Amino acid sequence: MSAGYIGILTVDLQFPEAGSLKGKRKHVKSAKAQLQNRFGASVAEVDHHELWQRARLTVACVAREHRELDALLDDALRYLHAQEYEVAGADRMVVTPDD
């Protein structure tokens, strides 16, 4: 029996219009909430805390099937690309827990 799959997506976001940490925070807070609500993901801002126009988020999702997990991560990345900020880079990793 499969233990499921864990997907980890790390994305670098750019906020060209942000002129302050407060402006950036608004975008990051919204992105985190949407990823949690839409995809059931756990999300953390993990880098670039002091920069106005950059953030790095790590998104984690769990699914029973590998293809279901791929679809979740693809949809999450598609959602981020559709926002008013820019996705400057993204890396993904899939982990299969030991039985």
Protein backbone atom coordinates (compact mmCIF):
# COMPACT_ATOMS: atom_id res chain seq x y z
CA MET A 1 0.00 0.00 0.00
CA SER A 2 1.33 3.44 -0.97
CA ALA A 3 1.93 6.00 1.75
CA GLY A 4 1.16 8.83 -0.67
CA TYR A 5 3.32 11.59 -2.05
CA ILE A 6 4.57 14.91 -0.74
CA GLY A 7 5.17 17.72 -3.21
CA ILE A 8 7.37 20.69 -2.38
CA LEU A 9 7.26 23.73 -4.64
CA THR A 10 9.66 26.61 -4.04
CA VAL A 11 8.83 29.81 -5.92
CA ASP A 12 10.62 33.13 -6.19
CA LEU A 13 8.21 36.02 -6.59
CA GLN A 14 8.96 39.56 -7.78
CA PHE A 15 6.78 42.54 -6.93
CA PRO A 16 7.89 45.33 -9.31
CA GLU A 17 5.23 47.73 -8.05
CA ALA A 18 5.95 47.27 -4.34
CA GLY A 19 7.48 50.39 -2.83
CA SER A 20 7.64 49.14 0.75
CA LEU A 21 7.65 46.02 2.86
CA LYS A 22 4.00 46.73 3.64
CA GLY A 23 3.13 46.59 -0.07
CA LYS A 24 5.01 43.32 -0.49
CA ARG A 25 3.41 41.85 2.61
CA LYS A 26 -0.05 42.44 1.15
CA HIS A 27 0.79 40.31 -1.90
CA VAL A 28 2.55 37.58 0.10
CA LYS A 29 -0.29 37.29 2.61
CA SER A 30 -2.84 37.00 -0.20
CA ALA A 31 -0.79 34.42 -2.11
CA LYS A 32 -0.32 32.29 0.99
CA ALA A 33 -4.03 32.38 1.85
CA GLN A 34 -5.10 31.52 -1.71
CA LEU A 35 -2.66 28.61 -1.96
CA GLN A 36 -3.89 27.27 1.37
CA ASN A 37 -7.57 27.66 0.51
CA ARG A 38 -7.50 26.54 -3.14
CA PHE A 39 -4.99 23.72 -2.94
CA GLY A 40 -4.90 22.67 0.71
CA ALA A 41 -1.22 23.58 0.78
CA SER A 42 1.00 24.53 3.67
CA VAL A 43 2.88 27.69 2.75
CA ALA A 44 5.76 29.60 4.33
CA GLU A 45 7.74 32.65 3.30
CA VAL A 46 11.29 31.33 3.61
CA ASP A 47 13.62 34.00 2.21
CA HIS A 48 14.08 37.64 1.16
CA HIS A 49 12.17 38.92 4.22
CA GLU A 50 14.00 42.25 4.19
CA LEU A 51 13.60 42.99 0.45
CA TRP A 52 10.66 45.06 -0.81
CA GLN A 53 10.30 43.47 -4.21
CA ARG A 54 11.19 39.80 -3.66
CA ALA A 55 9.88 36.82 -1.73
CA ARG A 56 10.53 33.11 -1.72
CA LEU A 57 7.66 30.82 -0.78
CA THR A 58 7.79 27.12 -0.10
CA VAL A 59 4.53 25.29 -0.77
CA ALA A 60 3.89 21.73 0.42
CA CYS A 61 1.03 19.47 -0.75
CA VAL A 62 0.15 15.86 -0.04
CA ALA A 63 -1.76 13.48 -2.33
CA ARG A 64 -2.41 9.74 -2.64
CA GLU A 65 -1.41 9.48 -6.30
CA HIS A 66 1.65 10.91 -8.06
CA ARG A 67 -0.42 12.31 -10.95
CA GLU A 68 -2.83 13.95 -8.47
CA LEU A 69 0.13 15.63 -6.79
CA ASP A 70 1.57 16.77 -10.14
CA ALA A 71 -1.80 18.31 -11.01
CA LEU A 72 -1.95 20.13 -7.64
CA LEU A 73 1.54 21.58 -8.07
CA ASP A 74 0.86 22.52 -11.72
CA ASP A 75 -2.37 24.28 -10.72
CA ALA A 76 -0.68 26.12 -7.86
CA LEU A 77 2.07 27.34 -10.17
CA ARG A 78 -0.47 28.30 -12.84
CA TYR A 79 -2.38 30.30 -10.22
CA LEU A 80 0.78 32.18 -9.19
CA HIS A 81 1.67 32.96 -12.81
CA ALA A 82 -1.80 34.49 -13.31
CA GLN A 83 -1.35 37.10 -10.56
CA GLU A 84 -0.18 40.69 -10.89
CA TYR A 85 3.29 39.88 -9.58
CA GLU A 86 5.93 37.86 -11.42
CA VAL A 87 7.14 34.33 -10.83
CA ALA A 88 10.91 34.65 -11.22
CA GLY A 89 11.66 30.98 -10.71
CA ALA A 90 10.22 27.73 -9.43
CA ASP A 91 11.60 24.37 -8.34
CA ARG A 92 9.64 21.27 -7.41
CA MET A 93 10.43 18.07 -5.61
CA VAL A 94 8.28 15.01 -4.99
CA VAL A 95 8.97 12.81 -1.98
CA THR A 96 7.62 9.32 -1.39
CA PRO A 97 7.57 8.52 2.33
CA ASP A 98 8.96 5.14 3.34
CA ASP A 99 6.26 2.58 4.16
